[in-house]
Amino acid sequence: MDDYEKLQWELQELYTVFLERFRNLEYLEMELDHFDRAEQEKMEDADRQLKKMQRRLRDEVRARAVASIYLCSSLCERDRRSGTHAPTHTRRSLC
């Protein structure tokens, strides 16, 4: 009976260690899930910010292009009215 009790005691010790490790593993997996979720949210936020900046830059470039075309056409019109054959402005003529 002594061997049986010794084995039972060892089994109980092993089971206690197993439970502790299992709980630790569960806790670490939960922490990892929280970390992954937080990182995913950061990445999505950074992606949204990047797309917002890209949109803003694209709109600014378009606005400048429209303003440039308007300025060029105004200068070309002025040159036509004044009778100048060659454009007086330095940009490539869109006329």
PDB file of N, CA and C in Angstrom:
ATOM      1  N   MET A   1       0.807  -1.193   0.000  1.00  0.00           N
ATOM      2  CA  MET A   1       0.000   0.000   0.000  1.00  0.00           C
ATOM      3  C   MET A   1       0.857   1.267   0.000  1.00  0.00           C
ATOM      4  N   ASP A   2       2.041   1.136   0.514  1.00  0.00           N
ATOM      5  CA  ASP A   2       2.939   2.270   0.580  1.00  0.00           C
ATOM      6  C   ASP A   2       3.299   2.772  -0.821  1.00  0.00           C
ATOM      7  N   ASP A   3       3.560   1.863  -1.761  1.00  0.00           N
ATOM      8  CA  ASP A   3       3.879   2.255  -3.141  1.00  0.00           C
ATOM      9  C   ASP A   3       2.685   2.939  -3.799  1.00  0.00           C
ATOM     10  N   TYR A   4       1.521   2.413  -3.516  1.00  0.00           N
ATOM     11  CA  TYR A   4       0.305   3.006  -4.080  1.00  0.00           C
ATOM     12  C   TYR A   4       0.118   4.435  -3.581  1.00  0.00           C
ATOM     13  N   GLU A   5       0.296   4.668  -2.320  1.00  0.00           N
ATOM     14  CA  GLU A   5       0.141   6.010  -1.748  1.00  0.00           C
ATOM     15  C   GLU A   5       1.198   6.965  -2.296  1.00  0.00           C
ATOM     16  N   LYS A   6       2.421   6.447  -2.440  1.00  0.00           N
ATOM     17  CA  LYS A   6       3.494   7.263  -3.010  1.00  0.00           C
ATOM     18  C   LYS A   6       3.151   7.670  -4.447  1.00  0.00           C
ATOM     19  N   LEU A   7       2.684   6.728  -5.234  1.00  0.00           N
ATOM     20  CA  LEU A   7       2.298   7.026  -6.624  1.00  0.00           C
ATOM     21  C   LEU A   7       1.116   7.989  -6.673  1.00  0.00           C
ATOM     22  N   GLN A   8       0.190   7.805  -5.758  1.00  0.00           N
ATOM     23  CA  GLN A   8      -0.965   8.696  -5.707  1.00  0.00           C
ATOM     24  C   GLN A   8      -0.519  10.125  -5.360  1.00  0.00           C
ATOM     25  N   TRP A   9       0.392  10.245  -4.426  1.00  0.00           N
ATOM     26  CA  TRP A   9       0.927  11.555  -4.035  1.00  0.00           C
ATOM     27  C   TRP A   9       1.657  12.206  -5.211  1.00  0.00           C
ATOM     28  N   GLU A  10       2.478  11.445  -5.940  1.00  0.00           N
ATOM     29  CA  GLU A  10       3.195  11.957  -7.114  1.00  0.00           C
ATOM     30  C   GLU A  10       2.205  12.400  -8.200  1.00  0.00           C
ATOM     31  N   LEU A  11       1.190  11.587  -8.369  1.00  0.00           N
ATOM     32  CA  LEU A  11       0.160  11.939  -9.352  1.00  0.00           C
ATOM     33  C   LEU A  11      -0.508  13.259  -8.974  1.00  0.00           C
ATOM     34  N   GLN A  12      -0.813  13.422  -7.704  1.00  0.00           N
ATOM     35  CA  GLN A  12      -1.435  14.661  -7.239  1.00  0.00           C
ATOM     36  C   GLN A  12      -0.504  15.853  -7.482  1.00  0.00           C
ATOM     37  N   GLU A  13       0.785  15.681  -7.217  1.00  0.00           N
ATOM     38  CA  GLU A  13       1.763  16.748  -7.473  1.00  0.00           C
ATOM     39  C   GLU A  13       1.817  17.089  -8.959  1.00  0.00           C
ATOM     40  N   LEU A  14       1.884  16.072  -9.786  1.00  0.00           N
ATOM     41  CA  LEU A  14       1.930  16.292 -11.235  1.00  0.00           C
ATOM     42  C   LEU A  14       0.661  16.986 -11.728  1.00  0.00           C
ATOM     43  N   TYR A  15      -0.459  16.582 -11.165  1.00  0.00           N
ATOM     44  CA  TYR A  15      -1.725  17.199 -11.565  1.00  0.00           C
ATOM     45  C   TYR A  15      -1.763  18.672 -11.143  1.00  0.00           C
ATOM     46  N   THR A  16      -1.241  18.982  -9.965  1.00  0.00           N
ATOM     47  CA  THR A  16      -1.177  20.360  -9.495  1.00  0.00           C
ATOM     48  C   THR A  16      -0.298  21.204 -10.423  1.00  0.00           C
ATOM     49  N   VAL A  17       0.838  20.664 -10.811  1.00  0.00           N
ATOM     50  CA  VAL A  17       1.733  21.365 -11.746  1.00  0.00           C
ATOM     51  C   VAL A  17       1.042  21.548 -13.090  1.00  0.00           C
ATOM     52  N   PHE A  18       0.376  20.483 -13.533  1.00  0.00           N
ATOM     53  CA  PHE A  18      -0.354  20.561 -14.801  1.00  0.00           C
ATOM     54  C   PHE A  18      -1.400  21.670 -14.762  1.00  0.00           C
ATOM     55  N   LEU A  19      -2.196  21.737 -13.687  1.00  0.00           N
ATOM     56  CA  LEU A  19      -3.227  22.772 -13.576  1.00  0.00           C
ATOM     57  C   LEU A  19      -2.625  24.175 -13.572  1.00  0.00           C
ATOM     58  N   GLU A  20      -1.532  24.342 -12.851  1.00  0.00           N
ATOM     59  CA  GLU A  20      -0.874  25.656 -12.809  1.00  0.00           C
ATOM     60  C   GLU A  20      -0.384  26.056 -14.197  1.00  0.00           C
ATOM     61  N   ARG A  21       0.243  25.147 -14.887  1.00  0.00           N
ATOM     62  CA  ARG A  21       0.744  25.439 -16.231  1.00  0.00           C
ATOM     63  C   ARG A  21      -0.407  25.684 -17.210  1.00  0.00           C
ATOM     64  N   PHE A  22      -1.466  24.914 -17.055  1.00  0.00           N
ATOM     65  CA  PHE A  22      -2.630  25.100 -17.921  1.00  0.00           C
ATOM     66  C   PHE A  22      -3.233  26.489 -17.712  1.00  0.00           C
ATOM     67  N   ARG A  23      -3.388  26.899 -16.449  1.00  0.00           N
ATOM     68  CA  ARG A  23      -3.916  28.238 -16.158  1.00  0.00           C
ATOM     69  C   ARG A  23      -2.997  29.318 -16.703  1.00  0.00           C
ATOM     70  N   ASN A  24      -1.688  29.123 -16.533  1.00  0.00           N
ATOM     71  CA  ASN A  24      -0.729  30.103 -17.066  1.00  0.00           C
ATOM     72  C   ASN A  24      -0.839  30.203 -18.584  1.00  0.00           C
ATOM     73  N   LEU A  25      -0.964  29.048 -19.222  1.00  0.00           N
ATOM     74  CA  LEU A  25      -1.099  29.037 -20.681  1.00  0.00           C
ATOM     75  C   LEU A  25      -2.374  29.760 -21.115  1.00  0.00           C
ATOM     76  N   GLU A  26      -3.473  29.478 -20.433  1.00  0.00           N
ATOM     77  CA  GLU A  26      -4.735  30.154 -20.753  1.00  0.00           C
ATOM     78  C   GLU A  26      -4.606  31.667 -20.588  1.00  0.00           C
ATOM     79  N   TYR A  27      -3.970  32.085 -19.504  1.00  0.00           N
ATOM     80  CA  TYR A  27      -3.781  33.514 -19.257  1.00  0.00           C
ATOM     81  C   TYR A  27      -2.924  34.149 -20.347  1.00  0.00           C
ATOM     82  N   LEU A  28      -1.820  33.490 -20.690  1.00  0.00           N
ATOM     83  CA  LEU A  28      -0.934  34.037 -21.720  1.00  0.00           C
ATOM     84  C   LEU A  28      -1.614  34.088 -23.087  1.00  0.00           C
ATOM     85  N   GLU A  29      -2.411  33.091 -23.405  1.00  0.00           N
ATOM     86  CA  GLU A  29      -3.150  33.114 -24.668  1.00  0.00           C
ATOM     87  C   GLU A  29      -4.166  34.250 -24.687  1.00  0.00           C
ATOM     88  N   MET A  30      -4.808  34.494 -23.557  1.00  0.00           N
ATOM     89  CA  MET A  30      -5.754  35.599 -23.463  1.00  0.00           C
ATOM     90  C   MET A  30      -5.027  36.942 -23.639  1.00  0.00           C
ATOM     91  N   GLU A  31      -3.878  37.079 -22.998  1.00  0.00           N
ATOM     92  CA  GLU A  31      -3.082  38.303 -23.133  1.00  0.00           C
ATOM     93  C   GLU A  31      -2.626  38.494 -24.583  1.00  0.00           C
ATOM     94  N   LEU A  32      -2.227  37.414 -25.212  1.00  0.00           N
ATOM     95  CA  LEU A  32      -1.811  37.482 -26.611  1.00  0.00           C
ATOM     96  C   LEU A  32      -2.972  37.924 -27.504  1.00  0.00           C
ATOM     97  N   ASP A  33      -4.162  37.412 -27.246  1.00  0.00           N
ATOM     98  CA  ASP A  33      -5.342  37.820 -28.008  1.00  0.00           C
ATOM     99  C   ASP A  33      -5.610  39.311 -27.838  1.00  0.00           C
ATOM    100  N   HIS A  34      -5.502  39.805 -26.594  1.00  0.00           N
ATOM    101  CA  HIS A  34      -5.693  41.243 -26.349  1.00  0.00           C
ATOM    102  C   HIS A  34      -4.641  42.068 -27.086  1.00  0.00           C
ATOM    103  N   PHE A  35      -3.408  41.609 -27.021  1.00  0.00           N
ATOM    104  CA  PHE A  35      -2.324  42.311 -27.700  1.00  0.00           C
ATOM    105  C   PHE A  35      -2.548  42.323 -29.208  1.00  0.00           C
ATOM    106  N   ASP A  36      -2.895  41.164 -29.764  1.00  0.00           N
ATOM    107  CA  ASP A  36      -3.145  41.078 -31.215  1.00  0.00           C
ATOM    108  C   ASP A  36      -4.285  41.993 -31.635  1.00  0.00           C
ATOM    109  N   ARG A  37      -5.351  42.027 -30.831  1.00  0.00           N
ATOM    110  CA  ARG A  37      -6.483  42.889 -31.145  1.00  0.00           C
ATOM    111  C   ARG A  37      -6.076  44.362 -31.117  1.00  0.00           C
ATOM    112  N   ALA A  38      -5.292  44.741 -30.106  1.00  0.00           N
ATOM    113  CA  ALA A  38      -4.826  46.126 -29.996  1.00  0.00           C
ATOM    114  C   ALA A  38      -3.925  46.486 -31.171  1.00  0.00           C
ATOM    115  N   GLU A  39      -3.046  45.583 -31.556  1.00  0.00           N
ATOM    116  CA  GLU A  39      -2.167  45.828 -32.697  1.00  0.00           C
ATOM    117  C   GLU A  39      -2.972  45.950 -33.990  1.00  0.00           C
ATOM    118  N   GLN A  40      -3.977  45.117 -34.144  1.00  0.00           N
ATOM    119  CA  GLN A  40      -4.824  45.174 -35.338  1.00  0.00           C
ATOM    120  C   GLN A  40      -5.544  46.515 -35.405  1.00  0.00           C
ATOM    121  N   GLU A  41      -6.047  46.985 -34.261  1.00  0.00           N
ATOM    122  CA  GLU A  41      -6.719  48.278 -34.232  1.00  0.00           C
ATOM    123  C   GLU A  41      -5.754  49.404 -34.574  1.00  0.00           C
ATOM    124  N   LYS A  42      -4.516  49.327 -34.072  1.00  0.00           N
ATOM    125  CA  LYS A  42      -3.505  50.338 -34.400  1.00  0.00           C
ATOM    126  C   LYS A  42      -3.224  50.346 -35.901  1.00  0.00           C
ATOM    127  N   MET A  43      -3.087  49.149 -36.474  1.00  0.00           N
ATOM    128  CA  MET A  43      -2.806  49.047 -37.911  1.00  0.00           C
ATOM    129  C   MET A  43      -3.964  49.616 -38.727  1.00  0.00           C
ATOM    130  N   GLU A  44      -5.196  49.302 -38.326  1.00  0.00           N
ATOM    131  CA  GLU A  44      -6.358  49.819 -39.046  1.00  0.00           C
ATOM    132  C   GLU A  44      -6.439  51.339 -38.918  1.00  0.00           C
ATOM    133  N   ASP A  45      -6.132  51.863 -37.738  1.00  0.00           N
ATOM    134  CA  ASP A  45      -6.140  53.306 -37.537  1.00  0.00           C
ATOM    135  C   ASP A  45      -5.064  53.973 -38.392  1.00  0.00           C
ATOM    136  N   ALA A  46      -3.872  53.390 -38.412  1.00  0.00           N
ATOM    137  CA  ALA A  46      -2.788  53.937 -39.237  1.00  0.00           C
ATOM    138  C   ALA A  46      -3.168  53.890 -40.714  1.00  0.00           C
ATOM    139  N   ASP A  47      -3.814  52.820 -41.134  1.00  0.00           N
ATOM    140  CA  ASP A  47      -4.249  52.696 -42.523  1.00  0.00           C
ATOM    141  C   ASP A  47      -5.297  53.757 -42.867  1.00  0.00           C
ATOM    142  N   ARG A  48      -6.233  53.996 -41.933  1.00  0.00           N
ATOM    143  CA  ARG A  48      -7.233  55.043 -42.151  1.00  0.00           C
ATOM    144  C   ARG A  48      -6.575  56.420 -42.256  1.00  0.00           C
ATOM    145  N   GLN A  49      -5.605  56.674 -41.386  1.00  0.00           N
ATOM    146  CA  GLN A  49      -4.906  57.961 -41.414  1.00  0.00           C
ATOM    147  C   GLN A  49      -4.139  58.130 -42.730  1.00  0.00           C
ATOM    148  N   LEU A  50      -3.491  57.069 -43.188  1.00  0.00           N
ATOM    149  CA  LEU A  50      -2.749  57.119 -44.436  1.00  0.00           C
ATOM    150  C   LEU A  50      -3.684  57.406 -45.610  1.00  0.00           C
ATOM    151  N   LYS A  51      -4.812  56.702 -45.655  1.00  0.00           N
ATOM    152  CA  LYS A  51      -5.766  56.930 -46.744  1.00  0.00           C
ATOM    153  C   LYS A  51      -6.323  58.344 -46.703  1.00  0.00           C
ATOM    154  N   LYS A  52      -6.536  58.863 -45.505  1.00  0.00           N
ATOM    155  CA  LYS A  52      -7.028  60.232 -45.358  1.00  0.00           C
ATOM    156  C   LYS A  52      -5.992  61.231 -45.891  1.00  0.00           C
ATOM    157  N   MET A  53      -4.724  61.017 -45.556  1.00  0.00           N
ATOM    158  CA  MET A  53      -3.665  61.903 -46.054  1.00  0.00           C
ATOM    159  C   MET A  53      -3.536  61.791 -47.575  1.00  0.00           C
ATOM    160  N   GLN A  54      -3.636  60.567 -48.091  1.00  0.00           N
ATOM    161  CA  GLN A  54      -3.549  60.379 -49.542  1.00  0.00           C
ATOM    162  C   GLN A  54      -4.689  61.100 -50.248  1.00  0.00           C
ATOM    163  N   ARG A  55      -5.897  61.006 -49.694  1.00  0.00           N
ATOM    164  CA  ARG A  55      -7.052  61.689 -50.271  1.00  0.00           C
ATOM    165  C   ARG A  55      -6.845  63.196 -50.249  1.00  0.00           C
ATOM    166  N   ARG A  56      -6.369  63.698 -49.100  1.00  0.00           N
ATOM    167  CA  ARG A  56      -6.137  65.135 -48.966  1.00  0.00           C
ATOM    168  C   ARG A  56      -5.076  65.616 -49.970  1.00  0.00           C
ATOM    169  N   LEU A  57      -3.993  64.846 -50.111  1.00  0.00           N
ATOM    170  CA  LEU A  57      -2.935  65.204 -51.051  1.00  0.00           C
ATOM    171  C   LEU A  57      -3.453  65.156 -52.487  1.00  0.00           C
ATOM    172  N   ARG A  58      -4.218  64.132 -52.820  1.00  0.00           N
ATOM    173  CA  ARG A  58      -4.779  64.011 -54.173  1.00  0.00           C
ATOM    174  C   ARG A  58      -5.701  65.196 -54.476  1.00  0.00           C
ATOM    175  N   ASP A  59      -6.534  65.578 -53.499  1.00  0.00           N
ATOM    176  CA  ASP A  59      -7.422  66.723 -53.689  1.00  0.00           C
ATOM    177  C   ASP A  59      -6.624  68.013 -53.869  1.00  0.00           C
ATOM    178  N   GLU A  60      -5.541  68.146 -53.106  1.00  0.00           N
ATOM    179  CA  GLU A  60      -4.711  69.343 -53.224  1.00  0.00           C
ATOM    180  C   GLU A  60      -4.032  69.405 -54.589  1.00  0.00           C
ATOM    181  N   VAL A  61      -3.533  68.272 -55.048  1.00  0.00           N
ATOM    182  CA  VAL A  61      -2.887  68.228 -56.371  1.00  0.00           C
ATOM    183  C   VAL A  61      -3.901  68.569 -57.460  1.00  0.00           C
ATOM    184  N   ARG A  62      -5.107  68.027 -57.349  1.00  0.00           N
ATOM    185  CA  ARG A  62      -6.149  68.337 -58.332  1.00  0.00           C
ATOM    186  C   ARG A  62      -6.492  69.824 -58.318  1.00  0.00           C
ATOM    187  N   ALA A  63      -6.620  70.378 -57.127  1.00  0.00           N
ATOM    188  CA  ALA A  63      -6.959  71.802 -57.017  1.00  0.00           C
ATOM    189  C   ALA A  63      -5.861  72.655 -57.627  1.00  0.00           C
ATOM    190  N   ARG A  64      -4.612  72.298 -57.393  1.00  0.00           N
ATOM    191  CA  ARG A  64      -3.508  73.058 -57.987  1.00  0.00           C
ATOM    192  C   ARG A  64      -3.474  72.899 -59.502  1.00  0.00           C
ATOM    193  N   ALA A  65      -3.787  71.717 -59.983  1.00  0.00           N
ATOM    194  CA  ALA A  65      -3.798  71.489 -61.425  1.00  0.00           C
ATOM    195  C   ALA A  65      -4.895  72.322 -62.074  1.00  0.00           C
ATOM    196  N   VAL A  66      -6.058  72.352 -61.450  1.00  0.00           N
ATOM    197  CA  VAL A  66      -7.159  73.160 -61.988  1.00  0.00           C
ATOM    198  C   VAL A  66      -6.776  74.627 -61.973  1.00  0.00           C
ATOM    199  N   ALA A  67      -6.185  75.088 -60.882  1.00  0.00           N
ATOM    200  CA  ALA A  67      -5.768  76.486 -60.789  1.00  0.00           C
ATOM    201  C   ALA A  67      -4.712  76.802 -61.838  1.00  0.00           C
ATOM    202  N   SER A  68      -3.793  75.878 -62.067  1.00  0.00           N
ATOM    203  CA  SER A  68      -2.741  76.077 -63.065  1.00  0.00           C
ATOM    204  C   SER A  68      -3.342  76.149 -64.473  1.00  0.00           C
ATOM    205  N   ILE A  69      -4.278  75.257 -64.758  1.00  0.00           N
ATOM    206  CA  ILE A  69      -4.926  75.272 -66.075  1.00  0.00           C
ATOM    207  C   ILE A  69      -5.702  76.577 -66.256  1.00  0.00           C
ATOM    208  N   TYR A  70      -6.395  76.999 -65.227  1.00  0.00           N
ATOM    209  CA  TYR A  70      -7.156  78.244 -65.295  1.00  0.00           C
ATOM    210  C   TYR A  70      -6.215  79.423 -65.532  1.00  0.00           C
ATOM    211  N   LEU A  71      -5.100  79.465 -64.801  1.00  0.00           N
ATOM    212  CA  LEU A  71      -4.132  80.548 -64.963  1.00  0.00           C
ATOM    213  C   LEU A  71      -3.558  80.541 -66.370  1.00  0.00           C
ATOM    214  N   CYS A  72      -3.191  79.357 -66.858  1.00  0.00           N
ATOM    215  CA  CYS A  72      -2.607  79.241 -68.193  1.00  0.00           C
ATOM    216  C   CYS A  72      -3.605  79.690 -69.262  1.00  0.00           C
ATOM    217  N   SER A  73      -4.854  79.251 -69.122  1.00  0.00           N
ATOM    218  CA  SER A  73      -5.846  79.638 -70.131  1.00  0.00           C
ATOM    219  C   SER A  73      -6.123  81.141 -70.052  1.00  0.00           C
ATOM    220  N   SER A  74      -6.059  81.702 -68.865  1.00  0.00           N
ATOM    221  CA  SER A  74      -6.242  83.151 -68.729  1.00  0.00           C
ATOM    222  C   SER A  74      -5.104  83.897 -69.406  1.00  0.00           C
ATOM    223  N   LEU A  75      -3.878  83.419 -69.231  1.00  0.00           N
ATOM    224  CA  LEU A  75      -2.725  84.069 -69.869  1.00  0.00           C
ATOM    225  C   LEU A  75      -2.795  83.917 -71.387  1.00  0.00           C
ATOM    226  N   CYS A  76      -3.205  82.737 -71.843  1.00  0.00           N
ATOM    227  CA  CYS A  76      -3.333  82.522 -73.292  1.00  0.00           C
ATOM    228  C   CYS A  76      -4.402  83.448 -73.871  1.00  0.00           C
ATOM    229  N   GLU A  77      -5.495  83.587 -73.170  1.00  0.00           N
ATOM    230  CA  GLU A  77      -6.569  84.475 -73.617  1.00  0.00           C
ATOM    231  C   GLU A  77      -6.069  85.907 -73.663  1.00  0.00           C
ATOM    232  N   ARG A  78      -5.320  86.309 -72.654  1.00  0.00           N
ATOM    233  CA  ARG A  78      -4.761  87.658 -72.633  1.00  0.00           C
ATOM    234  C   ARG A  78      -3.826  87.866 -73.825  1.00  0.00           C
ATOM    235  N   ASP A  79      -2.986  86.833 -74.109  1.00  0.00           N
ATOM    236  CA  ASP A  79      -2.076  86.939 -75.242  1.00  0.00           C
ATOM    237  C   ASP A  79      -2.838  87.046 -76.561  1.00  0.00           C
ATOM    238  N   ARG A  80      -3.924  86.302 -76.698  1.00  0.00           N
ATOM    239  CA  ARG A  80      -4.729  86.374 -77.925  1.00  0.00           C
ATOM    240  C   ARG A  80      -5.340  87.763 -78.095  1.00  0.00           C
ATOM    241  N   ARG A  81      -5.850  88.280 -77.018  1.00  0.00           N
ATOM    242  CA  ARG A  81      -6.480  89.606 -77.087  1.00  0.00           C
ATOM    243  C   ARG A  81      -5.475  90.715 -77.399  1.00  0.00           C
ATOM    244  N   SER A  82      -4.263  90.553 -76.886  1.00  0.00           N
ATOM    245  CA  SER A  82      -3.269  91.603 -77.113  1.00  0.00           C
ATOM    246  C   SER A  82      -2.601  91.441 -78.466  1.00  0.00           C
ATOM    247  N   GLY A  83      -2.872  90.342 -79.147  1.00  0.00           N
ATOM    248  CA  GLY A  83      -2.305  90.134 -80.471  1.00  0.00           C
ATOM    249  C   GLY A  83      -0.944  89.487 -80.448  1.00  0.00           C
ATOM    250  N   THR A  84      -0.478  89.049 -79.304  1.00  0.00           N
ATOM    251  CA  THR A  84       0.821  88.392 -79.210  1.00  0.00           C
ATOM    252  C   THR A  84       0.655  86.972 -79.734  1.00  0.00           C
ATOM    253  N   HIS A  85       1.534  86.588 -80.630  1.00  0.00           N
ATOM    254  CA  HIS A  85       1.426  85.246 -81.210  1.00  0.00           C
ATOM    255  C   HIS A  85       2.000  84.173 -80.289  1.00  0.00           C
ATOM    256  N   ALA A  86       3.092  84.477 -79.638  1.00  0.00           N
ATOM    257  CA  ALA A  86       3.726  83.489 -78.742  1.00  0.00           C
ATOM    258  C   ALA A  86       3.266  83.767 -77.317  1.00  0.00           C
ATOM    259  N   PRO A  87       3.030  82.754 -76.562  1.00  0.00           N
ATOM    260  CA  PRO A  87       2.631  82.964 -75.167  1.00  0.00           C
ATOM    261  C   PRO A  87       3.733  83.677 -74.396  1.00  0.00           C
ATOM    262  N   THR A  88       3.343  84.609 -73.552  1.00  0.00           N
ATOM    263  CA  THR A  88       4.328  85.350 -72.755  1.00  0.00           C
ATOM    264  C   THR A  88       4.642  84.656 -71.445  1.00  0.00           C
ATOM    265  N   HIS A  89       3.841  83.700 -71.069  1.00  0.00           N
ATOM    266  CA  HIS A  89       4.113  82.997 -69.829  1.00  0.00           C
ATOM    267  C   HIS A  89       5.080  81.853 -70.075  1.00  0.00           C
ATOM    268  N   THR A  90       5.740  81.412 -69.024  1.00  0.00           N
ATOM    269  CA  THR A  90       6.834  80.431 -69.183  1.00  0.00           C
ATOM    270  C   THR A  90       6.351  78.981 -69.187  1.00  0.00           C
ATOM    271  N   ARG A  91       5.184  78.727 -68.737  1.00  0.00           N
ATOM    272  CA  ARG A  91       4.691  77.342 -68.736  1.00  0.00           C
ATOM    273  C   ARG A  91       4.354  76.912 -70.150  1.00  0.00           C
ATOM    274  N   ARG A  92       4.346  75.608 -70.343  1.00  0.00           N
ATOM    275  CA  ARG A  92       3.932  75.094 -71.643  1.00  0.00           C
ATOM    276  C   ARG A  92       2.511  75.541 -71.919  1.00  0.00           C
ATOM    277  N   SER A  93       2.303  75.960 -73.093  1.00  0.00           N
ATOM    278  CA  SER A  93       0.982  76.483 -73.432  1.00  0.00           C
ATOM    279  C   SER A  93       0.004  75.344 -73.656  1.00  0.00           C
ATOM    280  N   LEU A  94      -1.165  75.472 -73.065  1.00  0.00           N
ATOM    281  CA  LEU A  94      -2.241  74.522 -73.282  1.00  0.00           C
ATOM    282  C   LEU A  94      -3.218  75.064 -74.314  1.00  0.00           C
ATOM    283  N   CYS A  95      -2.890  76.212 -74.863  1.00  0.00           N
ATOM    284  CA  CYS A  95      -3.782  76.901 -75.804  1.00  0.00           C
ATOM    285  C   CYS A  95      -3.770  76.206 -77.161  1.00  0.00           C
TER     286      CYS A  95
END
